[in-house]
Amino acid sequence: MLHFLNRCSKQRQAWFLIGFSGLIFELIALYFQYIMLLQPCVLCIYERCALFGIIAASFVGAIAPNSSLRYIAIFLWIYSASKGIQLTWQHTMQYLYPSPFNTCDFFVDFPTFLPLDKWLPSVFSASADCSLQQWQLMSLGMPQWLLGIFSLYFIISVLVLLSQGSDRFIKRAI
């Protein structure tokens, strides 16, 4: 399996597949926001940013999949997925155990050099409370589903990183 993941990480199609999956999840988020009229909270917006990090990693990996740029893409992928896990875990705890003492911020807080909420407010502005339960599928809320999605991204990214040494290991075994 590691040899397969190593071969895949050296092909543009695999990187585009990762980016396409992230784009699908972003489009689903916009569908929930603009078609189903569910309002995103601050943590939802940060989770979107983590997904955009995975999409960015896929584009970096697709630029030159046979070069060392692939390692930068893998580390960006791992970082974005782990940040997504951290955010969705926090969101899940606020979602499952709402408390007046454990609330999310009222406004998103982007760095001054990257004010995404000012540049594209239709995607990066928050207006809901993080503990508000607006949607469920199979008794799981949106943050719980995203926790699973980011965990899957993380597991695959770590396996891809581990697979990068599989060529050398196979050659030594032969």
N, C-alpha and C. Protein backbone atom coordinates (compact mmCIF):
# COMPACT_ATOMS: atom_id res chain seq x y z
N MET A 1 0.82 -1.19 0.00
CA MET A 1 0.00 0.00 0.00
C MET A 1 0.86 1.26 0.00
N LEU A 2 1.94 1.26 0.78
CA LEU A 2 2.80 2.44 0.81
C LEU A 2 3.43 2.69 -0.55
N HIS A 3 3.77 1.62 -1.26
CA HIS A 3 4.36 1.78 -2.59
C HIS A 3 3.33 2.42 -3.54
N PHE A 4 2.08 2.00 -3.41
CA PHE A 4 1.00 2.59 -4.22
C PHE A 4 0.84 4.07 -3.91
N LEU A 5 0.84 4.43 -2.62
CA LEU A 5 0.70 5.84 -2.25
C LEU A 5 1.89 6.66 -2.72
N ASN A 6 3.07 6.06 -2.72
CA ASN A 6 4.26 6.74 -3.22
C ASN A 6 4.10 7.04 -4.71
N ARG A 7 3.65 6.06 -5.46
CA ARG A 7 3.45 6.28 -6.90
C ARG A 7 2.38 7.34 -7.15
N CYS A 8 1.31 7.29 -6.36
CA CYS A 8 0.23 8.28 -6.53
C CYS A 8 0.71 9.69 -6.21
N SER A 9 1.57 9.83 -5.19
CA SER A 9 2.03 11.16 -4.81
C SER A 9 2.91 11.80 -5.87
N LYS A 10 3.35 11.00 -6.82
CA LYS A 10 4.19 11.52 -7.91
C LYS A 10 3.40 11.76 -9.19
N GLN A 11 2.08 11.76 -9.07
CA GLN A 11 1.22 11.98 -10.23
C GLN A 11 0.30 13.16 -9.99
N ARG A 12 0.14 13.98 -10.99
CA ARG A 12 -0.72 15.16 -10.87
C ARG A 12 -2.17 14.80 -10.60
N GLN A 13 -2.64 13.70 -11.18
CA GLN A 13 -4.04 13.32 -11.03
C GLN A 13 -4.41 13.12 -9.56
N ALA A 14 -3.51 12.51 -8.79
CA ALA A 14 -3.80 12.28 -7.37
C ALA A 14 -3.90 13.61 -6.63
N TRP A 15 -3.01 14.53 -6.94
CA TRP A 15 -3.06 15.84 -6.28
C TRP A 15 -4.31 16.60 -6.68
N PHE A 16 -4.70 16.50 -7.96
CA PHE A 16 -5.94 17.15 -8.38
C PHE A 16 -7.16 16.50 -7.72
N LEU A 17 -7.10 15.22 -7.47
CA LEU A 17 -8.21 14.54 -6.78
C LEU A 17 -8.36 15.07 -5.36
N ILE A 18 -7.25 15.28 -4.68
CA ILE A 18 -7.31 15.86 -3.33
C ILE A 18 -7.91 17.26 -3.39
N GLY A 19 -7.43 18.06 -4.32
CA GLY A 19 -7.96 19.42 -4.47
C GLY A 19 -9.43 19.42 -4.85
N PHE A 20 -9.83 18.49 -5.72
CA PHE A 20 -11.22 18.40 -6.15
C PHE A 20 -12.11 18.02 -4.97
N SER A 21 -11.64 17.08 -4.14
CA SER A 21 -12.46 16.70 -2.97
C SER A 21 -12.62 17.88 -2.02
N GLY A 22 -11.55 18.64 -1.81
CA GLY A 22 -11.65 19.82 -0.95
C GLY A 22 -12.60 20.86 -1.54
N LEU A 23 -12.53 21.03 -2.85
CA LEU A 23 -13.43 21.97 -3.52
C LEU A 23 -14.89 21.53 -3.39
N ILE A 24 -15.13 20.24 -3.49
CA ILE A 24 -16.50 19.73 -3.32
C ILE A 24 -17.01 20.06 -1.92
N PHE A 25 -16.16 19.86 -0.90
CA PHE A 25 -16.58 20.18 0.46
C PHE A 25 -16.82 21.69 0.64
N GLU A 26 -16.01 22.51 -0.01
CA GLU A 26 -16.25 23.96 0.05
C GLU A 26 -17.57 24.33 -0.62
N LEU A 27 -17.86 23.71 -1.75
CA LEU A 27 -19.12 23.99 -2.44
C LEU A 27 -20.31 23.50 -1.62
N ILE A 28 -20.15 22.39 -0.92
CA ILE A 28 -21.22 21.91 -0.04
C ILE A 28 -21.45 22.92 1.08
N ALA A 29 -20.38 23.48 1.62
CA ALA A 29 -20.53 24.50 2.67
C ALA A 29 -21.29 25.73 2.14
N LEU A 30 -20.96 26.14 0.92
CA LEU A 30 -21.68 27.28 0.34
C LEU A 30 -23.13 26.92 0.02
N TYR A 31 -23.37 25.67 -0.35
CA TYR A 31 -24.75 25.21 -0.56
C TYR A 31 -25.53 25.32 0.75
N PHE A 32 -24.93 24.85 1.85
CA PHE A 32 -25.61 24.96 3.15
C PHE A 32 -25.87 26.41 3.51
N GLN A 33 -24.93 27.29 3.18
CA GLN A 33 -25.07 28.69 3.55
C GLN A 33 -26.08 29.42 2.69
N TYR A 34 -26.03 29.23 1.38
CA TYR A 34 -26.85 30.06 0.50
C TYR A 34 -28.12 29.39 -0.02
N ILE A 35 -28.19 28.09 -0.06
CA ILE A 35 -29.40 27.41 -0.52
C ILE A 35 -30.25 26.97 0.67
N MET A 36 -29.60 26.35 1.66
CA MET A 36 -30.34 25.91 2.85
C MET A 36 -30.45 27.00 3.91
N LEU A 37 -29.76 28.13 3.69
CA LEU A 37 -29.81 29.32 4.55
C LEU A 37 -29.34 29.04 5.98
N LEU A 38 -28.34 28.19 6.14
CA LEU A 38 -27.71 27.96 7.43
C LEU A 38 -26.57 28.97 7.58
N GLN A 39 -26.52 29.64 8.70
CA GLN A 39 -25.51 30.67 8.90
C GLN A 39 -24.24 30.07 9.51
N PRO A 40 -23.07 30.41 8.95
CA PRO A 40 -21.81 29.87 9.50
C PRO A 40 -21.38 30.64 10.75
N CYS A 41 -20.72 29.92 11.63
CA CYS A 41 -20.15 30.56 12.82
C CYS A 41 -18.66 30.82 12.58
N VAL A 42 -17.99 31.38 13.55
CA VAL A 42 -16.58 31.71 13.43
C VAL A 42 -15.74 30.45 13.20
N LEU A 43 -16.03 29.40 13.96
CA LEU A 43 -15.28 28.16 13.78
C LEU A 43 -15.55 27.53 12.42
N CYS A 44 -16.77 27.68 11.90
CA CYS A 44 -17.07 27.19 10.55
C CYS A 44 -16.17 27.88 9.51
N ILE A 45 -15.99 29.16 9.68
CA ILE A 45 -15.16 29.93 8.75
C ILE A 45 -13.70 29.47 8.85
N TYR A 46 -13.22 29.26 10.07
CA TYR A 46 -11.84 28.78 10.24
C TYR A 46 -11.68 27.37 9.66
N GLU A 47 -12.71 26.55 9.80
CA GLU A 47 -12.67 25.20 9.22
C GLU A 47 -12.62 25.29 7.69
N ARG A 48 -13.33 26.26 7.13
CA ARG A 48 -13.24 26.49 5.68
C ARG A 48 -11.81 26.85 5.27
N CYS A 49 -11.18 27.66 6.09
CA CYS A 49 -9.79 28.04 5.79
C CYS A 49 -8.87 26.83 5.82
N ALA A 50 -9.10 25.92 6.76
CA ALA A 50 -8.30 24.69 6.80
C ALA A 50 -8.52 23.87 5.53
N LEU A 51 -9.76 23.83 5.05
CA LEU A 51 -10.03 23.13 3.79
C LEU A 51 -9.34 23.83 2.62
N PHE A 52 -9.33 25.16 2.64
CA PHE A 52 -8.61 25.88 1.59
C PHE A 52 -7.11 25.59 1.66
N GLY A 53 -6.58 25.35 2.86
CA GLY A 53 -5.18 24.95 3.00
C GLY A 53 -4.91 23.61 2.33
N ILE A 54 -5.84 22.68 2.46
CA ILE A 54 -5.70 21.38 1.80
C ILE A 54 -5.77 21.55 0.28
N ILE A 55 -6.66 22.41 -0.18
CA ILE A 55 -6.76 22.68 -1.62
C ILE A 55 -5.46 23.31 -2.11
N ALA A 56 -4.93 24.27 -1.35
CA ALA A 56 -3.65 24.90 -1.73
C ALA A 56 -2.53 23.88 -1.77
N ALA A 57 -2.50 22.98 -0.80
CA ALA A 57 -1.48 21.93 -0.78
C ALA A 57 -1.58 21.06 -2.02
N SER A 58 -2.79 20.78 -2.45
CA SER A 58 -2.96 19.95 -3.64
C SER A 58 -2.43 20.66 -4.89
N PHE A 59 -2.62 21.95 -4.96
CA PHE A 59 -2.10 22.68 -6.12
C PHE A 59 -0.58 22.76 -6.09
N VAL A 60 -0.01 22.92 -4.91
CA VAL A 60 1.46 22.92 -4.79
C VAL A 60 2.00 21.56 -5.22
N GLY A 61 1.35 20.49 -4.78
CA GLY A 61 1.79 19.15 -5.16
C GLY A 61 1.62 18.88 -6.64
N ALA A 62 0.60 19.47 -7.25
CA ALA A 62 0.35 19.24 -8.68
C ALA A 62 1.32 20.02 -9.57
N ILE A 63 1.94 21.05 -9.03
CA ILE A 63 2.87 21.86 -9.85
C ILE A 63 4.03 21.01 -10.34
N ALA A 64 4.66 20.32 -9.43
CA ALA A 64 5.81 19.48 -9.79
C ALA A 64 5.83 18.26 -8.87
N PRO A 65 4.99 17.27 -9.16
CA PRO A 65 4.86 16.13 -8.25
C PRO A 65 6.10 15.26 -8.14
N ASN A 66 7.02 15.35 -9.08
CA ASN A 66 8.24 14.53 -9.01
C ASN A 66 9.42 15.28 -8.40
N SER A 67 9.19 16.47 -7.90
CA SER A 67 10.29 17.25 -7.31
C SER A 67 10.13 17.31 -5.79
N SER A 68 11.03 18.00 -5.16
CA SER A 68 10.96 18.14 -3.70
C SER A 68 9.81 19.06 -3.28
N LEU A 69 9.19 19.74 -4.22
CA LEU A 69 8.01 20.56 -3.93
C LEU A 69 6.88 19.69 -3.39
N ARG A 70 6.91 18.42 -3.73
CA ARG A 70 5.92 17.46 -3.25
C ARG A 70 5.96 17.39 -1.71
N TYR A 71 7.15 17.46 -1.12
CA TYR A 71 7.26 17.39 0.34
C TYR A 71 6.65 18.62 1.00
N ILE A 72 6.82 19.77 0.39
CA ILE A 72 6.19 20.99 0.91
C ILE A 72 4.68 20.83 0.89
N ALA A 73 4.17 20.27 -0.21
CA ALA A 73 2.73 20.05 -0.33
C ALA A 73 2.23 19.07 0.72
N ILE A 74 2.98 18.01 0.96
CA ILE A 74 2.57 17.02 1.95
C ILE A 74 2.55 17.64 3.34
N PHE A 75 3.56 18.43 3.69
CA PHE A 75 3.58 19.05 5.01
C PHE A 75 2.48 20.09 5.16
N LEU A 76 2.17 20.84 4.09
CA LEU A 76 1.06 21.78 4.13
C LEU A 76 -0.26 21.02 4.29
N TRP A 77 -0.38 19.89 3.63
CA TRP A 77 -1.56 19.04 3.74
C TRP A 77 -1.71 18.53 5.18
N ILE A 78 -0.64 18.05 5.76
CA ILE A 78 -0.67 17.55 7.14
C ILE A 78 -1.03 18.68 8.10
N TYR A 79 -0.40 19.84 7.92
CA TYR A 79 -0.68 20.98 8.81
C TYR A 79 -2.15 21.40 8.71
N SER A 80 -2.66 21.53 7.49
CA SER A 80 -4.04 21.97 7.30
C SER A 80 -5.02 20.96 7.87
N ALA A 81 -4.76 19.68 7.65
CA ALA A 81 -5.65 18.64 8.18
C ALA A 81 -5.61 18.61 9.71
N SER A 82 -4.42 18.76 10.29
CA SER A 82 -4.32 18.75 11.75
C SER A 82 -4.98 19.99 12.36
N LYS A 83 -4.83 21.12 11.69
CA LYS A 83 -5.51 22.34 12.15
C LYS A 83 -7.02 22.17 12.04
N GLY A 84 -7.47 21.52 10.97
CA GLY A 84 -8.89 21.24 10.81
C GLY A 84 -9.41 20.33 11.91
N ILE A 85 -8.62 19.32 12.29
CA ILE A 85 -9.02 18.43 13.38
C ILE A 85 -9.14 19.22 14.68
N GLN A 86 -8.16 20.07 14.94
CA GLN A 86 -8.18 20.87 16.17
C GLN A 86 -9.42 21.77 16.21
N LEU A 87 -9.70 22.44 15.10
CA LEU A 87 -10.85 23.35 15.05
C LEU A 87 -12.17 22.60 15.17
N THR A 88 -12.28 21.48 14.45
CA THR A 88 -13.55 20.75 14.50
C THR A 88 -13.76 20.06 15.85
N TRP A 89 -12.67 19.67 16.51
CA TRP A 89 -12.81 19.12 17.86
C TRP A 89 -13.35 20.18 18.81
N GLN A 90 -12.76 21.37 18.74
CA GLN A 90 -13.23 22.48 19.57
C GLN A 90 -14.70 22.79 19.25
N HIS A 91 -15.01 22.81 17.96
CA HIS A 91 -16.38 23.10 17.53
C HIS A 91 -17.35 22.01 18.00
N THR A 92 -16.93 20.76 17.91
CA THR A 92 -17.76 19.65 18.35
C THR A 92 -18.05 19.73 19.84
N MET A 93 -17.05 20.09 20.63
CA MET A 93 -17.25 20.22 22.07
C MET A 93 -18.23 21.35 22.39
N GLN A 94 -18.14 22.46 21.67
CA GLN A 94 -19.08 23.56 21.89
C GLN A 94 -20.47 23.18 21.39
N TYR A 95 -20.52 22.37 20.35
CA TYR A 95 -21.78 21.94 19.76
C TYR A 95 -22.50 20.95 20.68
N LEU A 96 -21.75 19.99 21.22
CA LEU A 96 -22.35 18.95 22.06
C LEU A 96 -22.60 19.41 23.48
N TYR A 97 -21.74 20.29 23.99
CA TYR A 97 -21.84 20.75 25.37
C TYR A 97 -21.87 22.27 25.42
N PRO A 98 -22.98 22.88 24.98
CA PRO A 98 -23.04 24.34 24.99
C PRO A 98 -22.98 24.88 26.41
N SER A 99 -22.25 25.96 26.55
CA SER A 99 -22.07 26.58 27.85
C SER A 99 -21.93 28.09 27.67
N PRO A 100 -22.51 28.86 28.54
CA PRO A 100 -22.33 30.31 28.43
C PRO A 100 -20.90 30.74 28.73
N PHE A 101 -20.11 29.85 29.33
CA PHE A 101 -18.72 30.18 29.66
C PHE A 101 -17.74 29.74 28.58
N ASN A 102 -18.19 28.90 27.66
CA ASN A 102 -17.34 28.40 26.59
C ASN A 102 -18.00 28.74 25.26
N THR A 103 -17.71 29.94 24.78
CA THR A 103 -18.33 30.41 23.54
C THR A 103 -17.25 30.73 22.51
N CYS A 104 -17.68 30.81 21.26
CA CYS A 104 -16.73 31.22 20.23
C CYS A 104 -16.76 32.74 20.08
N ASP A 105 -15.83 33.25 19.33
CA ASP A 105 -15.76 34.70 19.11
C ASP A 105 -16.98 35.18 18.33
N PHE A 106 -17.22 36.48 18.38
CA PHE A 106 -18.32 37.05 17.63
C PHE A 106 -17.93 37.35 16.18
N PHE A 107 -16.64 37.65 15.98
CA PHE A 107 -16.16 38.01 14.66
C PHE A 107 -14.91 37.20 14.34
N VAL A 108 -14.71 36.91 13.06
CA VAL A 108 -13.49 36.21 12.65
C VAL A 108 -12.30 37.15 12.84
N ASP A 109 -11.16 36.57 13.11
CA ASP A 109 -9.95 37.35 13.39
C ASP A 109 -8.84 36.89 12.46
N PHE A 110 -8.83 37.47 11.27
CA PHE A 110 -7.78 37.15 10.30
C PHE A 110 -6.63 38.13 10.47
N PRO A 111 -5.42 37.73 10.06
CA PRO A 111 -4.28 38.66 10.16
C PRO A 111 -4.52 39.90 9.29
N THR A 112 -3.90 40.99 9.66
CA THR A 112 -4.11 42.24 8.92
C THR A 112 -3.61 42.15 7.47
N PHE A 113 -2.61 41.29 7.22
CA PHE A 113 -2.12 41.17 5.85
C PHE A 113 -2.99 40.25 5.00
N LEU A 114 -3.97 39.57 5.61
CA LEU A 114 -4.84 38.65 4.88
C LEU A 114 -6.28 38.76 5.40
N PRO A 115 -6.92 39.92 5.23
CA PRO A 115 -8.28 40.10 5.76
C PRO A 115 -9.34 39.45 4.85
N LEU A 116 -9.41 38.14 4.90
CA LEU A 116 -10.32 37.42 4.01
C LEU A 116 -11.78 37.83 4.19
N ASP A 117 -12.16 38.17 5.41
CA ASP A 117 -13.54 38.59 5.66
C ASP A 117 -13.85 39.93 5.01
N LYS A 118 -12.84 40.73 4.72
CA LYS A 118 -13.04 42.01 4.03
C LYS A 118 -12.99 41.81 2.51
N TRP A 119 -12.10 40.92 2.06
CA TRP A 119 -11.94 40.69 0.63
C TRP A 119 -13.10 39.90 0.04
N LEU A 120 -13.57 38.90 0.78
CA LEU A 120 -14.63 38.04 0.27
C LEU A 120 -15.61 37.73 1.40
N PRO A 121 -16.40 38.74 1.79
CA PRO A 121 -17.29 38.55 2.94
C PRO A 121 -18.38 37.50 2.71
N SER A 122 -18.73 37.23 1.47
CA SER A 122 -19.76 36.23 1.21
C SER A 122 -19.32 34.82 1.59
N VAL A 123 -18.03 34.59 1.70
CA VAL A 123 -17.50 33.28 2.06
C VAL A 123 -16.92 33.27 3.47
N PHE A 124 -16.34 34.38 3.91
CA PHE A 124 -15.57 34.39 5.16
C PHE A 124 -16.15 35.24 6.27
N SER A 125 -17.43 35.56 6.23
CA SER A 125 -18.06 36.30 7.33
C SER A 125 -18.94 35.35 8.14
N ALA A 126 -18.86 35.48 9.44
CA ALA A 126 -19.61 34.60 10.34
C ALA A 126 -20.76 35.36 10.98
N SER A 127 -21.87 34.67 11.20
CA SER A 127 -23.01 35.34 11.81
C SER A 127 -23.79 34.45 12.77
N ALA A 128 -23.32 33.25 13.05
CA ALA A 128 -24.06 32.34 13.94
C ALA A 128 -23.23 32.01 15.17
N ASP A 129 -23.89 31.41 16.13
CA ASP A 129 -23.24 30.94 17.35
C ASP A 129 -22.71 29.53 17.10
N CYS A 130 -21.53 29.23 17.63
CA CYS A 130 -20.89 27.93 17.40
C CYS A 130 -21.66 26.76 18.02
N SER A 131 -22.43 27.02 19.06
CA SER A 131 -23.16 25.93 19.70
C SER A 131 -24.55 25.71 19.10
N LEU A 132 -24.92 26.51 18.13
CA LEU A 132 -26.22 26.39 17.49
C LEU A 132 -26.27 25.12 16.62
N GLN A 133 -27.25 24.28 16.87
CA GLN A 133 -27.39 23.04 16.12
C GLN A 133 -28.40 23.26 14.99
N GLN A 134 -27.88 23.51 13.78
CA GLN A 134 -28.73 23.85 12.65
C GLN A 134 -29.04 22.67 11.73
N TRP A 135 -28.18 21.64 11.74
CA TRP A 135 -28.30 20.57 10.75
C TRP A 135 -27.74 19.28 11.33
N GLN A 136 -28.37 18.15 10.98
CA GLN A 136 -27.87 16.83 11.37
C GLN A 136 -28.12 15.83 10.25
N LEU A 137 -27.23 14.87 10.15
CA LEU A 137 -27.40 13.74 9.24
C LEU A 137 -26.96 12.50 10.01
N MET A 138 -27.86 11.53 10.13
CA MET A 138 -27.61 10.31 10.90
C MET A 138 -27.17 10.65 12.33
N SER A 139 -27.86 11.59 12.92
CA SER A 139 -27.67 12.08 14.29
C SER A 139 -26.31 12.72 14.56
N LEU A 140 -25.56 13.04 13.51
CA LEU A 140 -24.30 13.76 13.66
C LEU A 140 -24.45 15.16 13.08
N GLY A 141 -23.91 16.13 13.80
CA GLY A 141 -23.95 17.51 13.33
C GLY A 141 -22.80 17.81 12.38
N MET A 142 -22.85 18.98 11.80
CA MET A 142 -21.82 19.39 10.84
C MET A 142 -20.41 19.32 11.41
N PRO A 143 -20.13 19.82 12.63
CA PRO A 143 -18.75 19.73 13.12
C PRO A 143 -18.28 18.29 13.30
N GLN A 144 -19.19 17.39 13.65
CA GLN A 144 -18.81 15.99 13.81
C GLN A 144 -18.46 15.35 12.46
N TRP A 145 -19.20 15.68 11.44
CA TRP A 145 -18.88 15.18 10.10
C TRP A 145 -17.54 15.72 9.64
N LEU A 146 -17.31 17.01 9.89
CA LEU A 146 -16.03 17.60 9.49
C LEU A 146 -14.86 17.02 10.27
N LEU A 147 -15.09 16.64 11.52
CA LEU A 147 -14.04 15.98 12.29
C LEU A 147 -13.62 14.68 11.61
N GLY A 148 -14.59 13.93 11.13
CA GLY A 148 -14.29 12.70 10.40
C GLY A 148 -13.58 12.97 9.09
N ILE A 149 -14.01 14.01 8.38
CA ILE A 149 -13.40 14.35 7.08
C ILE A 149 -11.95 14.78 7.27
N PHE A 150 -11.70 15.67 8.23
CA PHE A 150 -10.33 16.12 8.47
C PHE A 150 -9.46 14.99 9.00
N SER A 151 -10.03 14.10 9.80
CA SER A 151 -9.26 12.95 10.29
C SER A 151 -8.85 12.05 9.14
N LEU A 152 -9.75 11.85 8.19
CA LEU A 152 -9.42 11.04 7.02
C LEU A 152 -8.33 11.70 6.17
N TYR A 153 -8.45 13.01 5.97
CA TYR A 153 -7.39 13.75 5.27
C TYR A 153 -6.05 13.59 5.99
N PHE A 154 -6.08 13.68 7.32
CA PHE A 154 -4.84 13.59 8.09
C PHE A 154 -4.22 12.20 7.98
N ILE A 155 -5.03 11.17 8.13
CA ILE A 155 -4.51 9.80 8.05
C ILE A 155 -3.89 9.54 6.69
N ILE A 156 -4.57 9.95 5.64
CA ILE A 156 -4.04 9.73 4.29
C ILE A 156 -2.76 10.53 4.09
N SER A 157 -2.72 11.76 4.59
CA SER A 157 -1.52 12.58 4.40
C SER A 157 -0.32 12.00 5.13
N VAL A 158 -0.53 11.47 6.32
CA VAL A 158 0.57 10.86 7.07
C VAL A 158 1.04 9.59 6.35
N LEU A 159 0.10 8.81 5.84
CA LEU A 159 0.48 7.61 5.08
C LEU A 159 1.27 7.98 3.82
N VAL A 160 0.86 9.05 3.16
CA VAL A 160 1.61 9.50 1.97
C VAL A 160 3.00 9.94 2.37
N LEU A 161 3.14 10.64 3.50
CA LEU A 161 4.46 11.04 3.97
C LEU A 161 5.32 9.81 4.28
N LEU A 162 4.76 8.84 4.95
CA LEU A 162 5.50 7.62 5.27
C LEU A 162 5.88 6.84 4.02
N SER A 163 5.05 6.95 3.00
CA SER A 163 5.33 6.22 1.76
C SER A 163 6.48 6.80 0.96
N GLN A 164 6.91 8.01 1.29
CA GLN A 164 7.96 8.65 0.51
C GLN A 164 9.28 7.91 0.62
N GLY A 165 9.47 7.12 1.65
CA GLY A 165 10.69 6.34 1.79
C GLY A 165 10.53 4.91 1.32
N SER A 166 9.34 4.55 0.81
CA SER A 166 9.08 3.15 0.45
C SER A 166 9.92 2.69 -0.73
N ASP A 167 10.28 3.57 -1.66
CA ASP A 167 11.13 3.17 -2.79
C ASP A 167 12.50 2.71 -2.30
N ARG A 168 13.07 3.48 -1.39
CA ARG A 168 14.39 3.12 -0.86
C ARG A 168 14.34 1.83 -0.06
N PHE A 169 13.25 1.64 0.68
CA PHE A 169 13.09 0.44 1.49
C PHE A 169 12.96 -0.80 0.60
N ILE A 170 12.18 -0.69 -0.47
CA ILE A 170 11.98 -1.82 -1.39
C ILE A 170 13.29 -2.15 -2.11
N LYS A 171 14.03 -1.13 -2.53
CA LYS A 171 15.30 -1.38 -3.22
C LYS A 171 16.31 -2.04 -2.29
N ARG A 172 16.30 -1.67 -1.01
CA ARG A 172 17.21 -2.30 -0.05
C ARG A 172 16.81 -3.76 0.21
N ALA A 173 15.51 -4.03 0.20
CA ALA A 173 15.05 -5.40 0.46
C ALA A 173 15.40 -6.34 -0.69
N ILE A 174 15.49 -5.77 -1.90
CA ILE A 174 15.82 -6.61 -3.06
C ILE A 174 17.28 -6.76 -3.13
